[in-house]
Amino acid sequence: MMKSSWNFKSGDILSLAVLLLGAFIVLLPLFVVFFTSFAPPGATPDITMPRNWSLDNYNDAWQRGKFLLAFANSTLVAIAVTAFQLITSALAGYALARLKFRGKQALLLVVLATLVIPFQLLVIPIFLVLKWGHLINTYGALILPTAVNGFGIFLLRQYFQTIPVELEEAAIIDGANRLQILWRVLLPLARPALVTLFLFTFIAEWNDLFKPLVFTTRPELRTVQLALAEFQEQFTNNWPLMMAAVTIATVPVMALFLIGQRQFIRGIATTGIKN
């Protein structure tokens, strides 16, 4: 008689049960949103599948929410902010990881201190700076305030420290300068960390409602989250229509995360804490 290939221990069964329970708790609201989006108008949110599936809510939500313009604006802002953060985080992270200069540890502490300061506390000085630069109601107001991020700097600084210094020394012997070492040696090796930062930043900017709400009033600058907020105010009682709009806004970031999840997990797992 063949022995079963499944050899679970009591600890493994308990871990699996906890993971399944956690997955159920996380996915349950998503199922409610998905099933409700196909329900007839006027229905209330429910976990059960609708009897008659219809795409009318999606067609109506796309037209009323003007999601084509909102998608274009959110994509432009998210890509621009992500590009700025990748560049600034790579340069600053490399300097804090490899260069030796006076005040390095103090500067690192300042970078870490920015992680505990809520963006909402800085909104008034940022608004005054943007107004002084005539950037209110422009794409600059949506991009520049978050073009640099302490988390990205710290993440890449930690990852660069896991890369052997011998690789850089070999590049220096071959005649490479600092920027060439960063571009040709470190960044290719830091791909998991870069993908992790890309996903964090893009998803955060896509889901950001605060900046568009405070720094812009022009309808042509409306983002996906502003479209959803206006949707909720105008069509509060039509839950299927609202759930369809939420699904439309969520699908792009979910697809992006699924594409980069392997690099994301690797980037988080291999970024250690070093002094």
Protein backbone atom coordinates (compact mmCIF):
# COMPACT_ATOMS: atom_id res chain seq x y z
CA MET A 1 0.00 0.00 0.00
CA MET A 2 1.44 3.33 -1.05
CA LYS A 3 1.92 5.99 1.57
CA SER A 4 0.28 9.33 1.00
CA SER A 5 2.58 12.07 -0.21
CA TRP A 6 0.80 14.52 2.08
CA ASN A 7 2.61 14.68 5.42
CA PHE A 8 1.04 17.52 7.36
CA LYS A 9 2.04 18.31 10.92
CA SER A 10 -0.33 19.87 13.40
CA GLY A 11 1.56 23.18 13.12
CA ASP A 12 1.25 23.14 9.32
CA ILE A 13 -2.49 22.49 9.52
CA LEU A 14 -2.92 25.35 11.98
CA SER A 15 -0.88 27.70 9.76
CA LEU A 16 -2.91 26.69 6.71
CA ALA A 17 -6.18 27.27 8.57
CA VAL A 18 -5.05 30.74 9.70
CA LEU A 19 -3.95 31.63 6.15
CA LEU A 20 -7.28 30.45 4.69
CA LEU A 21 -9.19 32.43 7.30
CA GLY A 22 -7.11 35.52 6.57
CA ALA A 23 -7.61 35.11 2.82
CA PHE A 24 -11.36 34.75 3.34
CA ILE A 25 -11.53 37.92 5.45
CA VAL A 26 -9.52 39.88 2.87
CA LEU A 27 -11.35 38.57 -0.21
CA LEU A 28 -14.90 38.72 1.15
CA PRO A 29 -15.33 42.49 0.54
CA LEU A 30 -13.96 42.05 -2.99
CA PHE A 31 -16.53 39.36 -3.73
CA VAL A 32 -19.29 41.62 -2.39
CA VAL A 33 -18.13 44.45 -4.67
CA PHE A 34 -17.83 42.15 -7.69
CA PHE A 35 -21.18 40.40 -7.33
CA THR A 36 -23.05 43.62 -6.49
CA SER A 37 -21.67 45.32 -9.61
CA PHE A 38 -23.62 42.86 -11.78
CA ALA A 39 -26.87 43.17 -9.81
CA PRO A 40 -29.88 45.14 -11.11
CA PRO A 41 -30.08 48.87 -10.23
CA GLY A 42 -31.29 49.58 -6.72
CA ALA A 43 -30.07 46.30 -5.24
CA THR A 44 -28.20 46.29 -1.94
CA PRO A 45 -24.67 44.87 -1.51
CA ASP A 46 -24.81 41.09 -1.10
CA ILE A 47 -22.38 38.17 -1.06
CA THR A 48 -24.70 35.98 -3.13
CA MET A 49 -24.35 35.89 -6.91
CA PRO A 50 -27.02 37.80 -8.85
CA ARG A 51 -29.54 35.77 -10.77
CA ASN A 52 -29.38 37.92 -13.90
CA TRP A 53 -25.87 39.07 -14.81
CA SER A 54 -25.66 42.34 -16.69
CA LEU A 55 -22.95 44.74 -17.86
CA ASP A 56 -25.30 47.72 -17.85
CA ASN A 57 -23.84 49.05 -14.60
CA TYR A 58 -20.34 49.04 -16.11
CA ASN A 59 -21.44 50.86 -19.25
CA ASP A 60 -23.34 53.44 -17.22
CA ALA A 61 -20.50 53.92 -14.72
CA TRP A 62 -17.92 54.38 -17.48
CA GLN A 63 -19.99 57.07 -19.17
CA ARG A 64 -21.15 58.95 -16.08
CA GLY A 65 -17.78 58.85 -14.36
CA LYS A 66 -15.85 59.95 -17.48
CA PHE A 67 -13.28 57.31 -16.63
CA LEU A 68 -11.36 57.67 -19.88
CA LEU A 69 -10.14 61.14 -18.86
CA ALA A 70 -9.69 60.03 -15.24
CA PHE A 71 -7.63 57.01 -16.28
CA ALA A 72 -5.42 59.16 -18.49
CA ASN A 73 -4.76 61.69 -15.71
CA SER A 74 -4.15 59.07 -13.01
CA THR A 75 -1.82 57.11 -15.28
CA LEU A 76 0.17 60.23 -16.20
CA VAL A 77 0.52 61.37 -12.59
CA ALA A 78 1.34 57.89 -11.25
CA ILE A 79 3.99 57.21 -13.90
CA ALA A 80 5.59 60.65 -13.47
CA VAL A 81 5.74 60.40 -9.67
CA THR A 82 7.05 56.84 -9.87
CA ALA A 83 9.79 57.85 -12.32
CA PHE A 84 10.87 60.74 -10.11
CA GLN A 85 10.94 58.55 -7.01
CA LEU A 86 12.95 55.82 -8.74
CA ILE A 87 15.57 58.34 -9.85
CA THR A 88 15.81 60.29 -6.60
CA SER A 89 15.69 57.17 -4.43
CA ALA A 90 18.41 55.43 -6.45
CA LEU A 91 20.76 58.43 -6.28
CA ALA A 92 20.14 59.22 -2.61
CA GLY A 93 20.08 55.55 -1.60
CA TYR A 94 23.42 54.93 -3.29
CA ALA A 95 24.97 57.96 -1.61
CA LEU A 96 23.80 56.85 1.83
CA ALA A 97 24.89 53.26 1.23
CA ARG A 98 28.34 53.76 -0.31
CA LEU A 99 29.66 57.31 -0.05
CA LYS A 100 31.47 58.54 3.04
CA PHE A 101 30.81 62.13 4.07
CA ARG A 102 30.30 64.16 7.22
CA GLY A 103 26.76 64.14 8.57
CA LYS A 104 25.79 60.92 6.78
CA GLN A 105 24.11 59.31 9.79
CA ALA A 106 22.32 62.54 10.68
CA LEU A 107 21.01 62.80 7.12
CA LEU A 108 19.81 59.20 7.29
CA LEU A 109 17.93 59.98 10.50
CA VAL A 110 16.29 62.96 8.80
CA VAL A 111 15.18 60.71 5.94
CA LEU A 112 13.74 58.21 8.40
CA ALA A 113 12.03 61.01 10.33
CA THR A 114 10.05 61.96 7.21
CA LEU A 115 8.40 58.53 7.32
CA VAL A 116 6.53 59.37 10.54
CA ILE A 117 5.27 62.79 9.41
CA PRO A 118 1.78 62.54 7.80
CA PHE A 119 1.47 64.27 4.46
CA GLN A 120 -1.64 66.06 5.75
CA LEU A 121 0.47 68.02 8.25
CA LEU A 122 2.52 69.48 5.40
CA VAL A 123 -0.38 70.37 3.15
CA ILE A 124 -0.49 74.08 4.08
CA PRO A 125 3.22 74.85 3.46
CA ILE A 126 3.13 72.71 0.31
CA PHE A 127 0.03 74.58 -0.89
CA LEU A 128 1.75 77.94 -0.28
CA VAL A 129 4.87 76.80 -2.17
CA LEU A 130 2.77 75.57 -5.10
CA LYS A 131 0.80 78.81 -5.13
CA TRP A 132 4.04 80.82 -5.10
CA GLY A 133 5.25 78.78 -8.08
CA HIS A 134 1.89 79.18 -9.92
CA LEU A 135 1.45 75.39 -9.93
CA ILE A 136 -2.03 75.14 -8.41
CA ASN A 137 -4.46 73.50 -10.85
CA THR A 138 -1.63 72.01 -12.89
CA TYR A 139 -0.10 68.56 -13.22
CA GLY A 140 2.89 69.89 -11.28
CA ALA A 141 0.71 70.18 -8.16
CA LEU A 142 -0.11 66.47 -8.44
CA ILE A 143 3.45 65.30 -9.20
CA LEU A 144 6.05 67.45 -7.41
CA PRO A 145 4.87 67.14 -3.76
CA THR A 146 5.60 63.39 -3.77
CA ALA A 147 8.49 63.30 -6.26
CA VAL A 148 10.86 62.37 -3.41
CA ASN A 149 10.02 59.80 -0.75
CA GLY A 150 11.92 58.74 2.35
CA PHE A 151 10.68 55.17 2.13
CA GLY A 152 12.12 54.72 -1.36
CA ILE A 153 15.48 56.17 -0.32
CA PHE A 154 15.69 53.89 2.71
CA LEU A 155 14.54 50.83 0.74
CA LEU A 156 17.19 51.20 -1.95
CA ARG A 157 19.85 52.15 0.59
CA GLN A 158 19.19 48.89 2.42
CA TYR A 159 19.22 46.86 -0.80
CA PHE A 160 22.45 48.43 -2.06
CA GLN A 161 24.13 47.41 1.19
CA THR A 162 23.35 43.75 0.45
CA ILE A 163 25.34 43.93 -2.81
CA PRO A 164 29.04 42.99 -2.39
CA VAL A 165 31.42 45.95 -2.52
CA GLU A 166 33.85 43.82 -4.58
CA LEU A 167 31.64 44.25 -7.64
CA GLU A 168 32.06 48.02 -7.47
CA GLU A 169 35.79 47.73 -6.85
CA ALA A 170 36.11 45.61 -9.98
CA ALA A 171 34.17 48.23 -11.96
CA ILE A 172 36.43 50.98 -10.61
CA ILE A 173 39.49 49.03 -11.76
CA ASP A 174 37.92 48.89 -15.22
CA GLY A 175 37.65 52.69 -15.20
CA ALA A 176 33.98 53.18 -14.31
CA ASN A 177 32.90 56.29 -12.39
CA ARG A 178 30.21 56.50 -9.71
CA LEU A 179 27.28 57.02 -12.07
CA GLN A 180 28.42 54.21 -14.36
CA ILE A 181 28.73 51.88 -11.37
CA LEU A 182 25.23 52.80 -10.24
CA TRP A 183 23.71 52.45 -13.72
CA ARG A 184 25.55 49.37 -14.99
CA VAL A 185 26.26 47.40 -11.82
CA LEU A 186 23.95 48.22 -8.92
CA LEU A 187 20.64 49.02 -10.60
CA PRO A 188 20.47 45.77 -12.61
CA LEU A 189 21.16 43.83 -9.41
CA ALA A 190 18.60 45.91 -7.50
CA ARG A 191 15.75 45.08 -9.87
CA PRO A 192 13.57 43.43 -7.14
CA ALA A 193 13.84 46.53 -4.95
CA LEU A 194 13.11 48.81 -7.91
CA VAL A 195 10.01 46.79 -8.83
CA THR A 196 8.90 46.89 -5.20
CA LEU A 197 9.28 50.68 -5.08
CA PHE A 198 7.54 50.99 -8.45
CA LEU A 199 4.51 49.02 -7.25
CA PHE A 200 4.30 50.82 -3.92
CA THR A 201 4.52 54.25 -5.54
CA PHE A 202 2.27 53.62 -8.52
CA ILE A 203 -0.50 52.05 -6.43
CA ALA A 204 -0.27 54.79 -3.80
CA GLU A 205 -0.53 57.53 -6.44
CA TRP A 206 -3.36 55.76 -8.25
CA ASN A 207 -5.34 55.55 -5.01
CA ASP A 208 -4.50 59.08 -3.84
CA LEU A 209 -7.48 61.34 -3.31
CA PHE A 210 -5.92 64.00 -1.07
CA LYS A 211 -3.70 65.82 -3.57
CA PRO A 212 -6.28 66.11 -6.38
CA LEU A 213 -8.89 67.20 -3.88
CA VAL A 214 -6.75 69.97 -2.32
CA PHE A 215 -4.50 71.17 -5.13
CA THR A 216 -6.84 71.06 -8.16
CA THR A 217 -10.31 72.28 -9.06
CA ARG A 218 -10.24 72.00 -12.85
CA PRO A 219 -12.52 69.22 -14.20
CA GLU A 220 -9.95 68.29 -16.87
CA LEU A 221 -7.49 67.31 -14.10
CA ARG A 222 -9.84 64.89 -12.36
CA THR A 223 -8.28 61.56 -11.42
CA VAL A 224 -9.83 58.14 -10.85
CA GLN A 225 -10.27 58.70 -7.11
CA LEU A 226 -11.92 62.08 -7.67
CA ALA A 227 -14.27 60.44 -10.14
CA LEU A 228 -15.19 57.83 -7.52
CA ALA A 229 -15.71 60.49 -4.85
CA GLU A 230 -18.04 62.48 -7.09
CA PHE A 231 -19.82 59.25 -7.99
CA GLN A 232 -20.55 58.54 -4.36
CA GLU A 233 -22.03 61.98 -3.82
CA GLN A 234 -24.28 61.85 -6.84
CA PHE A 235 -25.41 58.23 -6.93
CA THR A 236 -25.21 57.12 -3.29
CA ASN A 237 -28.36 54.97 -3.40
CA ASN A 238 -27.39 53.05 -6.53
CA TRP A 239 -24.99 50.52 -5.01
CA PRO A 240 -24.56 48.32 -8.11
CA LEU A 241 -23.54 51.37 -10.15
CA MET A 242 -21.08 52.45 -7.46
CA MET A 243 -19.61 48.95 -7.13
CA ALA A 244 -19.14 48.82 -10.90
CA ALA A 245 -17.22 52.11 -10.74
CA VAL A 246 -15.06 50.76 -7.89
CA THR A 247 -14.30 47.62 -9.92
CA ILE A 248 -13.31 49.68 -12.96
CA ALA A 249 -10.92 51.75 -10.82
CA THR A 250 -9.43 48.70 -9.08
CA VAL A 251 -8.74 46.37 -12.01
CA PRO A 252 -5.64 48.23 -13.38
CA VAL A 253 -3.72 48.22 -10.09
CA MET A 254 -4.65 44.61 -9.36
CA ALA A 255 -3.38 43.56 -12.79
CA LEU A 256 -0.18 45.55 -12.27
CA PHE A 257 0.45 43.89 -8.91
CA LEU A 258 -0.16 40.41 -10.29
CA ILE A 259 2.38 41.05 -13.03
CA GLY A 260 5.10 42.20 -10.65
CA GLN A 261 4.29 40.12 -7.57
CA ARG A 262 7.32 37.81 -7.85
CA GLN A 263 9.79 40.69 -7.96
CA PHE A 264 7.80 42.43 -5.22
CA ILE A 265 8.05 39.47 -2.84
CA ARG A 266 11.74 39.01 -3.64
CA GLY A 267 12.44 42.69 -3.06
CA ILE A 268 10.75 42.65 0.35
CA ALA A 269 12.36 39.35 1.38
CA THR A 270 15.92 40.27 0.41
CA THR A 271 16.00 43.82 1.76
CA GLY A 272 17.64 43.34 5.14
CA ILE A 273 18.34 45.78 7.91
CA LYS A 274 22.00 46.83 8.04
CA ASN A 275 23.72 49.62 9.89
